[in-house]
């Protein structure tokens, strides 16, 4: 830290769990935490947060459709459709009916395979 007049001041920071923090900085190049003045020692102290990454179950593809897909997550069955507007409303409705029937067939096949 530079002070007016060209003099410098050094600040020492006490780091809790220093070895773990150095490992984290070596991998991620940064560490999240809190910087505070310790009540007992009066030293400037850095305490890194001990956060764990969230483990998320990836969606499993049941079937790819002509204009989308059917996926299974931990709690839901997801259906996605993206149909271009240029084909017109009548053809769009026909495409939706055909795609939904295909999605229903995929779910029935999955159920039959799981029960065998």
PDB file of N, CA and C in Angstrom:
ATOM      1  N   UNK A   1       0.850  -1.155   0.000  1.00  0.00           N
ATOM      2  CA  UNK A   1       0.000   0.000   0.000  1.00  0.00           C
ATOM      3  C   UNK A   1       0.901   1.224   0.000  1.00  0.00           C
ATOM      4  N   UNK A   2       0.662   2.132  -0.910  1.00  0.00           N
ATOM      5  CA  UNK A   2       1.475   3.332  -1.009  1.00  0.00           C
ATOM      6  C   UNK A   2       0.831   4.471  -0.251  1.00  0.00           C
ATOM      7  N   UNK A   3       1.669   5.241   0.438  1.00  0.00           N
ATOM      8  CA  UNK A   3       1.207   6.384   1.202  1.00  0.00           C
ATOM      9  C   UNK A   3       1.820   7.638   0.589  1.00  0.00           C
ATOM     10  N   UNK A   4       1.139   8.749   0.707  1.00  0.00           N
ATOM     11  CA  UNK A   4       1.612  10.012   0.163  1.00  0.00           C
ATOM     12  C   UNK A   4       3.007  10.307   0.686  1.00  0.00           C
ATOM     13  N   UNK A   5       3.871  10.687  -0.198  1.00  0.00           N
ATOM     14  CA  UNK A   5       5.238  10.985   0.192  1.00  0.00           C
ATOM     15  C   UNK A   5       6.203   9.879  -0.195  1.00  0.00           C
ATOM     16  N   UNK A   6       5.719   8.834  -0.848  1.00  0.00           N
ATOM     17  CA  UNK A   6       6.585   7.783  -1.346  1.00  0.00           C
ATOM     18  C   UNK A   6       6.939   6.719  -0.333  1.00  0.00           C
ATOM     19  N   UNK A   7       6.433   6.794   0.872  1.00  0.00           N
ATOM     20  CA  UNK A   7       6.727   5.777   1.873  1.00  0.00           C
ATOM     21  C   UNK A   7       5.755   4.617   1.707  1.00  0.00           C
ATOM     22  N   UNK A   8       6.187   3.444   2.052  1.00  0.00           N
ATOM     23  CA  UNK A   8       5.320   2.278   1.955  1.00  0.00           C
ATOM     24  C   UNK A   8       5.034   1.740   3.348  1.00  0.00           C
ATOM     25  N   UNK A   9       3.903   1.067   3.432  1.00  0.00           N
ATOM     26  CA  UNK A   9       3.513   0.440   4.679  1.00  0.00           C
ATOM     27  C   UNK A   9       3.233  -1.030   4.380  1.00  0.00           C
ATOM     28  N   UNK A  10       3.725  -1.903   5.206  1.00  0.00           N
ATOM     29  CA  UNK A  10       3.483  -3.324   5.020  1.00  0.00           C
ATOM     30  C   UNK A  10       2.391  -3.778   5.974  1.00  0.00           C
ATOM     31  N   UNK A  11       1.489  -4.601   5.447  1.00  0.00           N
ATOM     32  CA  UNK A  11       0.443  -5.199   6.260  1.00  0.00           C
ATOM     33  C   UNK A  11       0.635  -6.714   6.208  1.00  0.00           C
ATOM     34  N   UNK A  12       0.653  -7.340   7.340  1.00  0.00           N
ATOM     35  CA  UNK A  12       0.753  -8.788   7.406  1.00  0.00           C
ATOM     36  C   UNK A  12      -0.632  -9.354   7.665  1.00  0.00           C
ATOM     37  N   UNK A  13      -0.956 -10.409   6.927  1.00  0.00           N
ATOM     38  CA  UNK A  13      -2.271 -11.036   7.057  1.00  0.00           C
ATOM     39  C   UNK A  13      -2.070 -12.449   7.577  1.00  0.00           C
ATOM     40  N   UNK A  14      -2.747 -12.771   8.658  1.00  0.00           N
ATOM     41  CA  UNK A  14      -2.726 -14.121   9.206  1.00  0.00           C
ATOM     42  C   UNK A  14      -3.766 -14.943   8.456  1.00  0.00           C
ATOM     43  N   UNK A  15      -3.349 -16.092   7.912  1.00  0.00           N
ATOM     44  CA  UNK A  15      -4.233 -16.917   7.095  1.00  0.00           C
ATOM     45  C   UNK A  15      -4.557 -18.205   7.845  1.00  0.00           C
ATOM     46  N   UNK A  16      -5.865 -18.409   8.089  1.00  0.00           N
ATOM     47  CA  UNK A  16      -6.303 -19.660   8.715  1.00  0.00           C
ATOM     48  C   UNK A  16      -6.284 -20.759   7.663  1.00  0.00           C
ATOM     49  N   UNK A  17      -5.847 -21.949   8.003  1.00  0.00           N
ATOM     50  CA  UNK A  17      -5.750 -23.088   7.075  1.00  0.00           C
ATOM     51  C   UNK A  17      -4.938 -22.701   5.845  1.00  0.00           C
ATOM     52  N   UNK A  18      -3.745 -22.214   6.049  1.00  0.00           N
ATOM     53  CA  UNK A  18      -2.896 -21.689   4.980  1.00  0.00           C
ATOM     54  C   UNK A  18      -2.542 -22.696   3.909  1.00  0.00           C
ATOM     55  N   UNK A  19      -2.288 -23.942   4.270  1.00  0.00           N
ATOM     56  CA  UNK A  19      -1.898 -24.960   3.290  1.00  0.00           C
ATOM     57  C   UNK A  19      -3.056 -25.244   2.337  1.00  0.00           C
ATOM     58  N   UNK A  20      -4.260 -25.392   2.896  1.00  0.00           N
ATOM     59  CA  UNK A  20      -5.433 -25.648   2.052  1.00  0.00           C
ATOM     60  C   UNK A  20      -5.711 -24.459   1.135  1.00  0.00           C
ATOM     61  N   UNK A  21      -5.516 -23.253   1.654  1.00  0.00           N
ATOM     62  CA  UNK A  21      -5.747 -22.054   0.857  1.00  0.00           C
ATOM     63  C   UNK A  21      -4.748 -21.978  -0.297  1.00  0.00           C
ATOM     64  N   UNK A  22      -3.501 -22.305  -0.054  1.00  0.00           N
ATOM     65  CA  UNK A  22      -2.496 -22.276  -1.125  1.00  0.00           C
ATOM     66  C   UNK A  22      -2.821 -23.309  -2.205  1.00  0.00           C
ATOM     67  N   UNK A  23      -3.317 -24.475  -1.810  1.00  0.00           N
ATOM     68  CA  UNK A  23      -3.721 -25.482  -2.797  1.00  0.00           C
ATOM     69  C   UNK A  23      -4.874 -24.959  -3.652  1.00  0.00           C
ATOM     70  N   UNK A  24      -5.839 -24.332  -2.995  1.00  0.00           N
ATOM     71  CA  UNK A  24      -7.000 -23.779  -3.711  1.00  0.00           C
ATOM     72  C   UNK A  24      -6.570 -22.687  -4.681  1.00  0.00           C
ATOM     73  N   UNK A  25      -5.685 -21.811  -4.249  1.00  0.00           N
ATOM     74  CA  UNK A  25      -5.214 -20.725  -5.110  1.00  0.00           C
ATOM     75  C   UNK A  25      -4.404 -21.279  -6.279  1.00  0.00           C
ATOM     76  N   UNK A  26      -3.643 -22.342  -6.052  1.00  0.00           N
ATOM     77  CA  UNK A  26      -2.852 -22.937  -7.126  1.00  0.00           C
ATOM     78  C   UNK A  26      -3.747 -23.518  -8.216  1.00  0.00           C
ATOM     79  N   UNK A  27      -4.904 -24.048  -7.837  1.00  0.00           N
ATOM     80  CA  UNK A  27      -5.817 -24.653  -8.798  1.00  0.00           C
ATOM     81  C   UNK A  27      -6.739 -23.617  -9.441  1.00  0.00           C
ATOM     82  N   UNK A  28      -7.416 -22.831  -8.614  1.00  0.00           N
ATOM     83  CA  UNK A  28      -8.459 -21.929  -9.099  1.00  0.00           C
ATOM     84  C   UNK A  28      -7.999 -20.498  -9.328  1.00  0.00           C
ATOM     85  N   UNK A  29      -6.821 -20.140  -8.867  1.00  0.00           N
ATOM     86  CA  UNK A  29      -6.261 -18.795  -8.990  1.00  0.00           C
ATOM     87  C   UNK A  29      -6.960 -17.761  -8.115  1.00  0.00           C
ATOM     88  N   UNK A  30      -7.960 -18.158  -7.340  1.00  0.00           N
ATOM     89  CA  UNK A  30      -8.622 -17.243  -6.407  1.00  0.00           C
ATOM     90  C   UNK A  30      -9.284 -18.059  -5.310  1.00  0.00           C
ATOM     91  N   UNK A  31      -9.551 -17.375  -4.208  1.00  0.00           N
ATOM     92  CA  UNK A  31     -10.229 -18.026  -3.089  1.00  0.00           C
ATOM     93  C   UNK A  31     -11.240 -17.054  -2.505  1.00  0.00           C
ATOM     94  N   UNK A  32     -12.425 -17.545  -2.239  1.00  0.00           N
ATOM     95  CA  UNK A  32     -13.449 -16.725  -1.621  1.00  0.00           C
ATOM     96  C   UNK A  32     -13.350 -16.886  -0.117  1.00  0.00           C
ATOM     97  N   UNK A  33     -13.575 -15.792   0.583  1.00  0.00           N
ATOM     98  CA  UNK A  33     -13.498 -15.859   2.024  1.00  0.00           C
ATOM     99  C   UNK A  33     -13.816 -14.526   2.650  1.00  0.00           C
ATOM    100  N   UNK A  34     -13.457 -14.402   3.917  1.00  0.00           N
ATOM    101  CA  UNK A  34     -13.729 -13.183   4.659  1.00  0.00           C
ATOM    102  C   UNK A  34     -12.425 -12.660   5.243  1.00  0.00           C
ATOM    103  N   UNK A  35     -12.236 -11.347   5.153  1.00  0.00           N
ATOM    104  CA  UNK A  35     -11.061 -10.679   5.695  1.00  0.00           C
ATOM    105  C   UNK A  35     -11.533  -9.855   6.890  1.00  0.00           C
ATOM    106  N   UNK A  36     -10.938 -10.096   8.068  1.00  0.00           N
ATOM    107  CA  UNK A  36     -11.400  -9.416   9.275  1.00  0.00           C
ATOM    108  C   UNK A  36     -10.244  -9.240  10.249  1.00  0.00           C
ATOM    109  N   UNK A  37     -10.464  -8.401  11.224  1.00  0.00           N
ATOM    110  CA  UNK A  37      -9.477  -8.210  12.287  1.00  0.00           C
ATOM    111  C   UNK A  37      -9.883  -9.109  13.443  1.00  0.00           C
ATOM    112  N   UNK A  38      -8.974  -9.994  13.816  1.00  0.00           N
ATOM    113  CA  UNK A  38      -9.251 -10.951  14.879  1.00  0.00           C
ATOM    114  C   UNK A  38      -9.379 -10.221  16.213  1.00  0.00           C
ATOM    115  N   UNK A  39     -10.422 -10.551  16.964  1.00  0.00           N
ATOM    116  CA  UNK A  39     -10.668  -9.879  18.242  1.00  0.00           C
ATOM    117  C   UNK A  39      -9.606 -10.209  19.283  1.00  0.00           C
ATOM    118  N   UNK A  40      -9.104 -11.452  19.259  1.00  0.00           N
ATOM    119  CA  UNK A  40      -8.130 -11.874  20.278  1.00  0.00           C
ATOM    120  C   UNK A  40      -6.732 -11.336  20.011  1.00  0.00           C
ATOM    121  N   UNK A  41      -6.276 -11.453  18.770  1.00  0.00           N
ATOM    122  CA  UNK A  41      -4.894 -11.083  18.448  1.00  0.00           C
ATOM    123  C   UNK A  41      -4.773  -9.680  17.867  1.00  0.00           C
ATOM    124  N   UNK A  42      -5.847  -9.157  17.298  1.00  0.00           N
ATOM    125  CA  UNK A  42      -5.780  -7.845  16.665  1.00  0.00           C
ATOM    126  C   UNK A  42      -5.142  -7.885  15.288  1.00  0.00           C
ATOM    127  N   UNK A  43      -4.862  -9.082  14.790  1.00  0.00           N
ATOM    128  CA  UNK A  43      -4.227  -9.239  13.473  1.00  0.00           C
ATOM    129  C   UNK A  43      -5.284  -9.262  12.378  1.00  0.00           C
ATOM    130  N   UNK A  44      -4.891  -8.790  11.202  1.00  0.00           N
ATOM    131  CA  UNK A  44      -5.740  -8.895  10.026  1.00  0.00           C
ATOM    132  C   UNK A  44      -5.738 -10.358   9.602  1.00  0.00           C
ATOM    133  N   UNK A  45      -6.924 -10.963   9.490  1.00  0.00           N
ATOM    134  CA  UNK A  45      -7.032 -12.402   9.286  1.00  0.00           C
ATOM    135  C   UNK A  45      -7.903 -12.690   8.075  1.00  0.00           C
ATOM    136  N   UNK A  46      -7.485 -13.690   7.268  1.00  0.00           N
ATOM    137  CA  UNK A  46      -8.280 -14.144   6.130  1.00  0.00           C
ATOM    138  C   UNK A  46      -8.727 -15.564   6.409  1.00  0.00           C
ATOM    139  N   UNK A  47     -10.046 -15.798   6.308  1.00  0.00           N
ATOM    140  CA  UNK A  47     -10.592 -17.138   6.504  1.00  0.00           C
ATOM    141  C   UNK A  47     -11.326 -17.515   5.226  1.00  0.00           C
ATOM    142  N   UNK A  48     -10.847 -18.553   4.537  1.00  0.00           N
ATOM    143  CA  UNK A  48     -11.440 -18.987   3.274  1.00  0.00           C
ATOM    144  C   UNK A  48     -12.725 -19.746   3.540  1.00  0.00           C
ATOM    145  N   UNK A  49     -13.702 -19.545   2.660  1.00  0.00           N
ATOM    146  CA  UNK A  49     -14.946 -20.303   2.752  1.00  0.00           C
ATOM    147  C   UNK A  49     -14.682 -21.740   2.341  1.00  0.00           C
ATOM    148  N   UNK A  50     -15.333 -22.672   3.016  1.00  0.00           N
ATOM    149  CA  UNK A  50     -15.197 -24.087   2.691  1.00  0.00           C
ATOM    150  C   UNK A  50     -16.433 -24.510   1.902  1.00  0.00           C
ATOM    151  N   UNK A  51     -16.488 -24.107   0.647  1.00  0.00           N
ATOM    152  CA  UNK A  51     -17.642 -24.408  -0.187  1.00  0.00           C
ATOM    153  C   UNK A  51     -17.380 -25.632  -1.027  1.00  0.00           C
ATOM    154  N   UNK A  52     -18.404 -26.423  -1.169  1.00  0.00           N
ATOM    155  CA  UNK A  52     -18.304 -27.613  -2.004  1.00  0.00           C
ATOM    156  C   UNK A  52     -19.128 -27.386  -3.255  1.00  0.00           C
ATOM    157  N   UNK A  53     -18.634 -27.853  -4.373  1.00  0.00           N
ATOM    158  CA  UNK A  53     -19.377 -27.685  -5.615  1.00  0.00           C
ATOM    159  C   UNK A  53     -20.628 -28.563  -5.581  1.00  0.00           C
ATOM    160  N   UNK A  54     -21.670 -28.055  -6.215  1.00  0.00           N
ATOM    161  CA  UNK A  54     -22.923 -28.791  -6.239  1.00  0.00           C
ATOM    162  C   UNK A  54     -22.823 -29.942  -7.226  1.00  0.00           C
ATOM    163  N   UNK A  55     -23.223 -31.101  -6.790  1.00  0.00           N
ATOM    164  CA  UNK A  55     -23.249 -32.263  -7.661  1.00  0.00           C
ATOM    165  C   UNK A  55     -24.653 -32.367  -8.226  1.00  0.00           C
ATOM    166  N   UNK A  56     -24.764 -32.239  -9.519  1.00  0.00           N
ATOM    167  CA  UNK A  56     -26.068 -32.247 -10.142  1.00  0.00           C
ATOM    168  C   UNK A  56     -26.175 -33.430 -11.077  1.00  0.00           C
ATOM    169  N   UNK A  57     -27.287 -34.131 -10.982  1.00  0.00           N
ATOM    170  CA  UNK A  57     -27.540 -35.275 -11.834  1.00  0.00           C
ATOM    171  C   UNK A  57     -27.892 -34.758 -13.214  1.00  0.00           C
ATOM    172  N   UNK A  58     -27.144 -35.156 -14.211  1.00  0.00           N
ATOM    173  CA  UNK A  58     -27.386 -34.679 -15.568  1.00  0.00           C
ATOM    174  C   UNK A  58     -28.632 -35.336 -16.154  1.00  0.00           C
ATOM    175  N   UNK A  59     -29.319 -34.573 -17.008  1.00  0.00           N
ATOM    176  CA  UNK A  59     -30.506 -35.108 -17.669  1.00  0.00           C
ATOM    177  C   UNK A  59     -30.110 -36.211 -18.644  1.00  0.00           C
ATOM    178  N   UNK A  60     -30.921 -37.258 -18.673  1.00  0.00           N
ATOM    179  CA  UNK A  60     -30.671 -38.392 -19.559  1.00  0.00           C
ATOM    180  C   UNK A  60     -31.598 -38.265 -20.764  1.00  0.00           C
ATOM    181  N   UNK A  61     -31.034 -38.341 -21.965  1.00  0.00           N
ATOM    182  CA  UNK A  61     -31.825 -38.248 -23.187  1.00  0.00           C
ATOM    183  C   UNK A  61     -32.606 -39.550 -23.373  1.00  0.00           C
ATOM    184  N   UNK A  62     -33.908 -39.430 -23.495  1.00  0.00           N
ATOM    185  CA  UNK A  62     -34.734 -40.599 -23.791  1.00  0.00           C
ATOM    186  C   UNK A  62     -34.841 -40.777 -25.300  1.00  0.00           C
ATOM    187  N   UNK A  63     -35.119 -39.669 -26.004  1.00  0.00           N
ATOM    188  CA  UNK A  63     -35.198 -39.739 -27.466  1.00  0.00           C
ATOM    189  C   UNK A  63     -35.035 -38.344 -28.066  1.00  0.00           C
ATOM    190  N   UNK A  64     -34.311 -38.298 -29.182  1.00  0.00           N
ATOM    191  CA  UNK A  64     -34.253 -37.079 -29.976  1.00  0.00           C
ATOM    192  C   UNK A  64     -35.439 -37.077 -30.926  1.00  0.00           C
ATOM    193  N   UNK A  65     -36.109 -35.948 -31.018  1.00  0.00           N
ATOM    194  CA  UNK A  65     -37.243 -35.805 -31.911  1.00  0.00           C
ATOM    195  C   UNK A  65     -36.812 -34.995 -33.135  1.00  0.00           C
ATOM    196  N   UNK A  66     -37.699 -34.875 -34.098  1.00  0.00           N
ATOM    197  CA  UNK A  66     -37.386 -34.144 -35.321  1.00  0.00           C
ATOM    198  C   UNK A  66     -37.040 -32.689 -35.035  1.00  0.00           C
ATOM    199  N   UNK A  67     -37.768 -32.070 -34.123  1.00  0.00           N
ATOM    200  CA  UNK A  67     -37.546 -30.666 -33.789  1.00  0.00           C
ATOM    201  C   UNK A  67     -37.284 -30.455 -32.304  1.00  0.00           C
ATOM    202  N   UNK A  68     -36.772 -31.432 -31.597  1.00  0.00           N
ATOM    203  CA  UNK A  68     -36.529 -31.275 -30.169  1.00  0.00           C
ATOM    204  C   UNK A  68     -36.035 -32.555 -29.531  1.00  0.00           C
ATOM    205  N   UNK A  69     -36.390 -32.762 -28.268  1.00  0.00           N
ATOM    206  CA  UNK A  69     -35.950 -33.932 -27.530  1.00  0.00           C
ATOM    207  C   UNK A  69     -36.882 -34.239 -26.374  1.00  0.00           C
ATOM    208  N   UNK A  70     -36.712 -35.449 -25.812  1.00  0.00           N
ATOM    209  CA  UNK A  70     -37.385 -35.880 -24.580  1.00  0.00           C
ATOM    210  C   UNK A  70     -36.270 -36.300 -23.626  1.00  0.00           C
ATOM    211  N   UNK A  71     -36.251 -35.688 -22.422  1.00  0.00           N
ATOM    212  CA  UNK A  71     -35.213 -35.989 -21.440  1.00  0.00           C
ATOM    213  C   UNK A  71     -35.846 -36.373 -20.112  1.00  0.00           C
ATOM    214  N   UNK A  72     -35.049 -37.091 -19.315  1.00  0.00           N
ATOM    215  CA  UNK A  72     -35.473 -37.453 -17.966  1.00  0.00           C
ATOM    216  C   UNK A  72     -34.501 -36.829 -16.978  1.00  0.00           C
ATOM    217  N   UNK A  73     -35.024 -36.064 -16.021  1.00  0.00           N
ATOM    218  CA  UNK A  73     -34.198 -35.522 -14.946  1.00  0.00           C
ATOM    219  C   UNK A  73     -34.511 -36.306 -13.676  1.00  0.00           C
ATOM    220  N   UNK A  74     -33.975 -35.878 -12.563  1.00  0.00           N
ATOM    221  CA  UNK A  74     -34.207 -36.586 -11.303  1.00  0.00           C
ATOM    222  C   UNK A  74     -35.677 -36.549 -10.904  1.00  0.00           C
ATOM    223  N   UNK A  75     -36.378 -35.457 -11.231  1.00  0.00           N
ATOM    224  CA  UNK A  75     -37.760 -35.319 -10.793  1.00  0.00           C
ATOM    225  C   UNK A  75     -38.769 -35.208 -11.922  1.00  0.00           C
ATOM    226  N   UNK A  76     -38.332 -34.985 -13.170  1.00  0.00           N
ATOM    227  CA  UNK A  76     -39.275 -34.680 -14.232  1.00  0.00           C
ATOM    228  C   UNK A  76     -38.919 -35.364 -15.548  1.00  0.00           C
ATOM    229  N   UNK A  77     -39.935 -35.441 -16.406  1.00  0.00           N
ATOM    230  CA  UNK A  77     -39.745 -35.790 -17.814  1.00  0.00           C
ATOM    231  C   UNK A  77     -39.899 -34.482 -18.572  1.00  0.00           C
ATOM    232  N   UNK A  78     -38.913 -34.131 -19.388  1.00  0.00           N
ATOM    233  CA  UNK A  78     -38.922 -32.852 -20.093  1.00  0.00           C
ATOM    234  C   UNK A  78     -39.077 -33.088 -21.590  1.00  0.00           C
ATOM    235  N   UNK A  79     -39.935 -32.299 -22.209  1.00  0.00           N
ATOM    236  CA  UNK A  79     -40.125 -32.359 -23.660  1.00  0.00           C
ATOM    237  C   UNK A  79     -39.868 -30.968 -24.202  1.00  0.00           C
ATOM    238  N   UNK A  80     -39.010 -30.878 -25.209  1.00  0.00           N
ATOM    239  CA  UNK A  80     -38.688 -29.595 -25.829  1.00  0.00           C
ATOM    240  C   UNK A  80     -39.013 -29.661 -27.310  1.00  0.00           C
ATOM    241  N   UNK A  81     -39.686 -28.626 -27.816  1.00  0.00           N
ATOM    242  CA  UNK A  81     -40.024 -28.520 -29.237  1.00  0.00           C
ATOM    243  C   UNK A  81     -39.678 -27.127 -29.719  1.00  0.00           C
ATOM    244  N   UNK A  82     -39.095 -27.031 -30.889  1.00  0.00           N
ATOM    245  CA  UNK A  82     -38.811 -25.746 -31.514  1.00  0.00           C
ATOM    246  C   UNK A  82     -39.115 -25.888 -32.998  1.00  0.00           C
ATOM    247  N   UNK A  83     -40.258 -25.350 -33.391  1.00  0.00           N
ATOM    248  CA  UNK A  83     -40.736 -25.499 -34.770  1.00  0.00           C
ATOM    249  C   UNK A  83     -40.675 -24.136 -35.440  1.00  0.00           C
ATOM    250  N   UNK A  84     -40.144 -24.068 -36.675  1.00  0.00           N
ATOM    251  CA  UNK A  84     -40.068 -22.772 -37.351  1.00  0.00           C
ATOM    252  C   UNK A  84     -41.445 -22.231 -37.710  1.00  0.00           C
ATOM    253  N   UNK A  85     -41.627 -20.923 -37.606  1.00  0.00           N
ATOM    254  CA  UNK A  85     -42.908 -20.283 -37.900  1.00  0.00           C
ATOM    255  C   UNK A  85     -43.250 -20.300 -39.384  1.00  0.00           C
ATOM    256  N   UNK A  86     -42.240 -20.374 -40.231  1.00  0.00           N
ATOM    257  CA  UNK A  86     -42.469 -20.239 -41.671  1.00  0.00           C
ATOM    258  C   UNK A  86     -43.280 -21.380 -42.256  1.00  0.00           C
ATOM    259  N   UNK A  87     -43.431 -22.488 -41.541  1.00  0.00           N
ATOM    260  CA  UNK A  87     -44.186 -23.606 -42.114  1.00  0.00           C
ATOM    261  C   UNK A  87     -45.695 -23.389 -42.001  1.00  0.00           C
ATOM    262  N   UNK A  88     -46.116 -22.396 -41.234  1.00  0.00           N
ATOM    263  CA  UNK A  88     -47.535 -22.096 -41.127  1.00  0.00           C
ATOM    264  C   UNK A  88     -48.186 -22.810 -39.959  1.00  0.00           C
ATOM    265  N   UNK A  89     -49.339 -22.283 -39.563  1.00  0.00           N
ATOM    266  CA  UNK A  89     -50.023 -22.793 -38.372  1.00  0.00           C
ATOM    267  C   UNK A  89     -50.529 -24.215 -38.553  1.00  0.00           C
ATOM    268  N   UNK A  90     -51.117 -24.517 -39.693  1.00  0.00           N
ATOM    269  CA  UNK A  90     -51.691 -25.849 -39.908  1.00  0.00           C
ATOM    270  C   UNK A  90     -50.605 -26.927 -39.872  1.00  0.00           C
ATOM    271  N   UNK A  91     -49.506 -26.705 -40.600  1.00  0.00           N
ATOM    272  CA  UNK A  91     -48.420 -27.698 -40.587  1.00  0.00           C
ATOM    273  C   UNK A  91     -47.746 -27.754 -39.226  1.00  0.00           C
ATOM    274  N   UNK A  92     -47.683 -26.611 -38.523  1.00  0.00           N
ATOM    275  CA  UNK A  92     -47.088 -26.576 -37.189  1.00  0.00           C
ATOM    276  C   UNK A  92     -47.893 -27.454 -36.227  1.00  0.00           C
ATOM    277  N   UNK A  93     -49.221 -27.362 -36.300  1.00  0.00           N
ATOM    278  CA  UNK A  93     -50.069 -28.179 -35.426  1.00  0.00           C
ATOM    279  C   UNK A  93     -49.932 -29.659 -35.751  1.00  0.00           C
ATOM    280  N   UNK A  94     -49.832 -29.983 -37.033  1.00  0.00           N
ATOM    281  CA  UNK A  94     -49.613 -31.375 -37.422  1.00  0.00           C
ATOM    282  C   UNK A  94     -48.276 -31.895 -36.930  1.00  0.00           C
ATOM    283  N   UNK A  95     -47.258 -31.058 -37.036  1.00  0.00           N
ATOM    284  CA  UNK A  95     -45.925 -31.442 -36.554  1.00  0.00           C
ATOM    285  C   UNK A  95     -45.938 -31.656 -35.049  1.00  0.00           C
ATOM    286  N   UNK A  96     -46.612 -30.772 -34.324  1.00  0.00           N
ATOM    287  CA  UNK A  96     -46.710 -30.933 -32.867  1.00  0.00           C
ATOM    288  C   UNK A  96     -47.409 -32.240 -32.498  1.00  0.00           C
ATOM    289  N   UNK A  97     -48.493 -32.549 -33.174  1.00  0.00           N
ATOM    290  CA  UNK A  97     -49.199 -33.807 -32.898  1.00  0.00           C
ATOM    291  C   UNK A  97     -48.298 -35.010 -33.150  1.00  0.00           C
ATOM    292  N   UNK A  98     -47.594 -34.994 -34.287  1.00  0.00           N
ATOM    293  CA  UNK A  98     -46.709 -36.107 -34.646  1.00  0.00           C
ATOM    294  C   UNK A  98     -45.561 -36.234 -33.637  1.00  0.00           C
ATOM    295  N   UNK A  99     -44.968 -35.106 -33.247  1.00  0.00           N
ATOM    296  CA  UNK A  99     -43.847 -35.128 -32.305  1.00  0.00           C
ATOM    297  C   UNK A  99     -44.298 -35.594 -30.918  1.00  0.00           C
ATOM    298  N   UNK A 100     -45.458 -35.145 -30.477  1.00  0.00           N
ATOM    299  CA  UNK A 100     -45.957 -35.564 -29.161  1.00  0.00           C
ATOM    300  C   UNK A 100     -46.285 -37.055 -29.151  1.00  0.00           C
ATOM    301  N   UNK A 101     -46.790 -37.571 -30.244  1.00  0.00           N
ATOM    302  CA  UNK A 101     -47.046 -39.015 -30.329  1.00  0.00           C
ATOM    303  C   UNK A 101     -45.728 -39.780 -30.263  1.00  0.00           C
ATOM    304  N   UNK A 102     -44.694 -39.248 -30.925  1.00  0.00           N
ATOM    305  CA  UNK A 102     -43.379 -39.878 -30.869  1.00  0.00           C
ATOM    306  C   UNK A 102     -42.809 -39.830 -29.447  1.00  0.00           C
ATOM    307  N   UNK A 103     -43.018 -38.707 -28.744  1.00  0.00           N
ATOM    308  CA  UNK A 103     -42.549 -38.589 -27.358  1.00  0.00           C
ATOM    309  C   UNK A 103     -43.283 -39.571 -26.456  1.00  0.00           C
ATOM    310  N   UNK A 104     -44.589 -39.726 -26.648  1.00  0.00           N
ATOM    311  CA  UNK A 104     -45.371 -40.680 -25.866  1.00  0.00           C
ATOM    312  C   UNK A 104     -44.906 -42.106 -26.124  1.00  0.00           C
ATOM    313  N   UNK A 105     -44.621 -42.415 -27.388  1.00  0.00           N
ATOM    314  CA  UNK A 105     -44.118 -43.749 -27.730  1.00  0.00           C
ATOM    315  C   UNK A 105     -42.784 -44.021 -27.041  1.00  0.00           C
ATOM    316  N   UNK A 106     -41.921 -43.009 -26.987  1.00  0.00           N
ATOM    317  CA  UNK A 106     -40.619 -43.166 -26.332  1.00  0.00           C
ATOM    318  C   UNK A 106     -40.794 -43.459 -24.844  1.00  0.00           C
ATOM    319  N   UNK A 107     -41.738 -42.781 -24.202  1.00  0.00           N
ATOM    320  CA  UNK A 107     -41.987 -43.025 -22.783  1.00  0.00           C
ATOM    321  C   UNK A 107     -42.559 -44.421 -22.540  1.00  0.00           C
ATOM    322  N   UNK A 108     -43.426 -44.872 -23.424  1.00  0.00           N
ATOM    323  CA  UNK A 108     -43.983 -46.221 -23.299  1.00  0.00           C
ATOM    324  C   UNK A 108     -42.887 -47.262 -23.482  1.00  0.00           C
ATOM    325  N   UNK A 109     -42.020 -47.082 -24.489  1.00  0.00           N
ATOM    326  CA  UNK A 109     -40.904 -48.010 -24.713  1.00  0.00           C
ATOM    327  C   UNK A 109     -39.981 -48.049 -23.501  1.00  0.00           C
ATOM    328  N   UNK A 110     -39.700 -46.882 -22.908  1.00  0.00           N
ATOM    329  CA  UNK A 110     -38.841 -46.814 -21.734  1.00  0.00           C
ATOM    330  C   UNK A 110     -39.463 -47.577 -20.571  1.00  0.00           C
ATOM    331  N   UNK A 111     -40.762 -47.422 -20.389  1.00  0.00           N
ATOM    332  CA  UNK A 111     -41.460 -48.126 -19.318  1.00  0.00           C
ATOM    333  C   UNK A 111     -41.422 -49.632 -19.525  1.00  0.00           C
ATOM    334  N   UNK A 112     -41.641 -50.080 -20.761  1.00  0.00           N
ATOM    335  CA  UNK A 112     -41.613 -51.511 -21.057  1.00  0.00           C
ATOM    336  C   UNK A 112     -40.233 -52.079 -20.824  1.00  0.00           C
ATOM    337  N   UNK A 113     -39.199 -51.380 -21.277  1.00  0.00           N
ATOM    338  CA  UNK A 113     -37.811 -51.852 -21.099  1.00  0.00           C
ATOM    339  C   UNK A 113     -37.440 -51.904 -19.621  1.00  0.00           C
ATOM    340  N   UNK A 114     -37.874 -50.907 -18.839  1.00  0.00           N
ATOM    341  CA  UNK A 114     -37.566 -50.896 -17.402  1.00  0.00           C
ATOM    342  C   UNK A 114     -38.250 -52.028 -16.646  1.00  0.00           C
ATOM    343  N   UNK A 115     -39.434 -52.443 -17.103  1.00  0.00           N
ATOM    344  CA  UNK A 115     -40.168 -53.492 -16.408  1.00  0.00           C
ATOM    345  C   UNK A 115     -39.709 -54.899 -16.791  1.00  0.00           C
ATOM    346  N   UNK A 116     -38.950 -55.036 -17.864  1.00  0.00           N
ATOM    347  CA  UNK A 116     -38.509 -56.372 -18.305  1.00  0.00           C
ATOM    348  C   UNK A 116     -37.287 -56.791 -17.568  1.00  0.00           C
TER     349      UNK A 116
END
